[in-house]
Every structure is written in structure tokens, then in C-alpha cells.
């Protein structure tokens, strides 16, 4: 049973190409494995990034890139790097995002090491 009120995968891909400049290969391949998956993915996108959301598109891309870097999601890192280029986000903003993530991850290691510091008798 098909739902003609929903866009086809090809229509979704066209929208992604317009917004991102490309369709990530995993998204394309997912349709042949489970055609419903792309509709759920787009529903989740609309929930996370509503049309009238508080953040502008550039900020959303940089936040998504930061999250992808922190989560080590190679497919998302690649997709957001390409999207940042497609949106012509200045390199300085992209690199500041990378530096912030690097700092956050370094801070995480220090925070995670608190039991180590305590075992070594460090005072605080």
C-alpha cells in the first residue's frame, strides 16, 4: 500500500540535493533496503530542525557538524562538511567549530579522569 500524500524517495533526494548539494550514499542505499526508513528519517529531521526553528541554517549545519565530530560519525561528518561547502559557510567558522569540538573532547578526558586524579591523591 503506497501513500500518495508523501513525497517519493526521488522527491526527497531532489530536496536533499537542493539543500545539501548531494544525497549521502547511505541515505540513497537505505531506500532499497527499507523504503519506509527515509520517511522516518525525514520526520525526525523535521522534529529536530523545524522550518520555523530558532536557529538559522548555517548554525544548524555547524551544530550538526559538531555533534557528528563528537560522536565520530564519519558519514555525518562527510555530509555536513559537504553541506557547509554547499552553503558557502566561511572556513573560519567551520574551523572554529572543529576547534570547539576538539576542546570539548579534551575537557571530557580531563573530566573522565577525575577518579584517576583522586586515586593519585590530587586535591581539589
Protein backbone atom coordinates (compact mmCIF):
# COMPACT_ATOMS: atom_id res chain seq x y z
CA UNK A 1 0.00 0.00 0.00
CA UNK A 2 1.54 3.29 -1.05
CA UNK A 3 0.78 6.68 0.42
CA UNK A 4 0.46 9.23 -2.39
CA UNK A 5 0.36 12.10 0.13
CA UNK A 6 4.00 11.54 1.00
CA UNK A 7 6.86 12.51 -1.28
CA UNK A 8 8.59 9.74 -3.17
CA UNK A 9 12.20 8.89 -2.32
CA UNK A 10 13.22 10.59 -5.59
CA UNK A 11 11.45 13.80 -4.47
CA UNK A 12 13.17 13.60 -1.09
CA UNK A 13 16.52 13.13 -2.84
CA UNK A 14 15.85 16.17 -5.01
CA UNK A 15 15.19 18.25 -1.90
CA UNK A 16 18.39 16.97 -0.31
CA UNK A 17 20.39 17.84 -3.42
CA UNK A 18 18.97 21.34 -3.33
CA UNK A 19 19.67 21.83 0.39
CA UNK A 20 22.95 19.94 0.68
CA UNK A 21 24.33 19.73 -2.82
CA UNK A 22 24.22 15.93 -2.72
CA UNK A 23 22.50 12.89 -1.25
CA UNK A 24 24.62 10.92 1.23
CA UNK A 25 25.23 7.43 -0.17
CA UNK A 26 23.92 5.70 2.98
CA UNK A 27 20.61 7.56 2.61
CA UNK A 28 20.37 6.54 -1.05
CA UNK A 29 21.18 2.91 -0.27
CA UNK A 30 18.74 2.78 2.65
CA UNK A 31 15.76 3.16 0.32
CA UNK A 32 16.39 -0.15 -1.43
CA UNK A 33 16.74 -1.88 1.95
CA UNK A 34 13.66 -0.28 3.54
CA UNK A 35 11.70 2.39 1.68
CA UNK A 36 9.91 3.47 4.88
CA UNK A 37 13.19 4.36 6.56
CA UNK A 38 13.67 7.56 4.56
CA UNK A 39 10.22 8.80 5.58
CA UNK A 40 11.01 8.20 9.25
CA UNK A 41 14.36 9.91 8.77
CA UNK A 42 12.69 12.97 7.24
CA UNK A 43 10.11 13.02 10.06
CA UNK A 44 12.95 13.02 12.58
CA UNK A 45 14.68 15.81 10.67
CA UNK A 46 11.51 17.92 10.77
CA UNK A 47 11.26 17.30 14.53
CA UNK A 48 14.90 18.24 15.16
CA UNK A 49 15.04 21.15 12.72
CA UNK A 50 11.58 22.64 12.19
CA UNK A 51 11.09 25.13 9.36
CA UNK A 52 10.49 27.96 11.82
CA UNK A 53 13.14 26.89 14.30
CA UNK A 54 15.20 29.21 16.49
CA UNK A 55 18.50 28.56 14.67
CA UNK A 56 19.42 29.66 11.16
CA UNK A 57 20.56 27.11 8.57
CA UNK A 58 24.26 27.93 8.93
CA UNK A 59 24.16 27.47 12.71
CA UNK A 60 22.25 24.20 12.32
CA UNK A 61 24.89 22.86 9.95
CA UNK A 62 27.69 23.81 12.35
CA UNK A 63 25.89 22.28 15.34
CA UNK A 64 25.23 19.10 13.35
CA UNK A 65 28.89 19.00 12.28
CA UNK A 66 29.99 19.44 15.90
CA UNK A 67 27.73 16.62 17.07
CA UNK A 68 28.93 14.38 14.25
CA UNK A 69 32.57 15.06 15.13
CA UNK A 70 31.96 14.39 18.82
CA UNK A 71 30.11 11.16 18.01
CA UNK A 72 32.74 10.08 15.43
CA UNK A 73 30.01 9.62 12.82
CA UNK A 74 32.04 9.53 9.61
CA UNK A 75 29.01 9.57 7.29
CA UNK A 76 27.53 12.61 9.06
CA UNK A 77 30.90 14.39 9.22
CA UNK A 78 31.29 13.94 5.46
CA UNK A 79 27.69 15.04 4.79
CA UNK A 80 27.97 18.16 6.96
CA UNK A 81 31.39 19.08 5.56
CA UNK A 82 29.91 18.94 2.06
CA UNK A 83 26.82 20.83 3.21
CA UNK A 84 28.96 23.56 4.80
CA UNK A 85 30.80 23.93 1.49
CA UNK A 86 27.50 23.96 -0.42
CA UNK A 87 26.18 26.68 1.92
CA UNK A 88 29.46 28.59 1.50
CA UNK A 89 29.97 28.77 5.25
CA UNK A 90 33.27 30.60 5.77
CA UNK A 91 36.22 28.32 6.52
CA UNK A 92 36.94 30.31 9.69
CA UNK A 93 33.52 29.34 11.12
CA UNK A 94 33.95 25.68 10.19
CA UNK A 95 37.43 25.56 11.72
CA UNK A 96 36.22 27.32 14.89
CA UNK A 97 33.58 24.62 15.17
CA UNK A 98 36.27 21.93 14.83
CA UNK A 99 38.39 23.65 17.49
CA UNK A 100 35.43 23.88 19.89
CA UNK A 101 34.74 20.16 19.48
CA UNK A 102 38.41 19.37 19.99
CA UNK A 103 38.43 21.42 23.19
CA UNK A 104 35.20 19.80 24.42
CA UNK A 105 36.64 16.34 23.82
CA UNK A 106 39.88 17.25 25.62
CA UNK A 107 37.83 18.60 28.53
CA UNK A 108 35.84 15.36 28.57
CA UNK A 109 39.04 13.36 29.01
CA UNK A 110 40.08 15.53 31.96
CA UNK A 111 36.60 15.21 33.47
CA UNK A 112 36.54 11.45 32.92
CA UNK A 113 39.95 11.19 34.58
CA UNK A 114 38.70 12.63 37.89
CA UNK A 115 38.76 9.18 39.57
CA UNK A 116 42.38 8.79 38.40
CA UNK A 117 43.33 12.13 39.93
CA UNK A 118 41.54 11.17 43.15
CA UNK A 119 43.37 7.83 43.28
CA UNK A 120 46.67 9.67 42.87
CA UNK A 121 45.79 11.83 45.83
CA UNK A 122 45.25 15.05 43.90
CA UNK A 123 43.44 17.64 45.97
CA UNK A 124 40.69 19.80 44.62
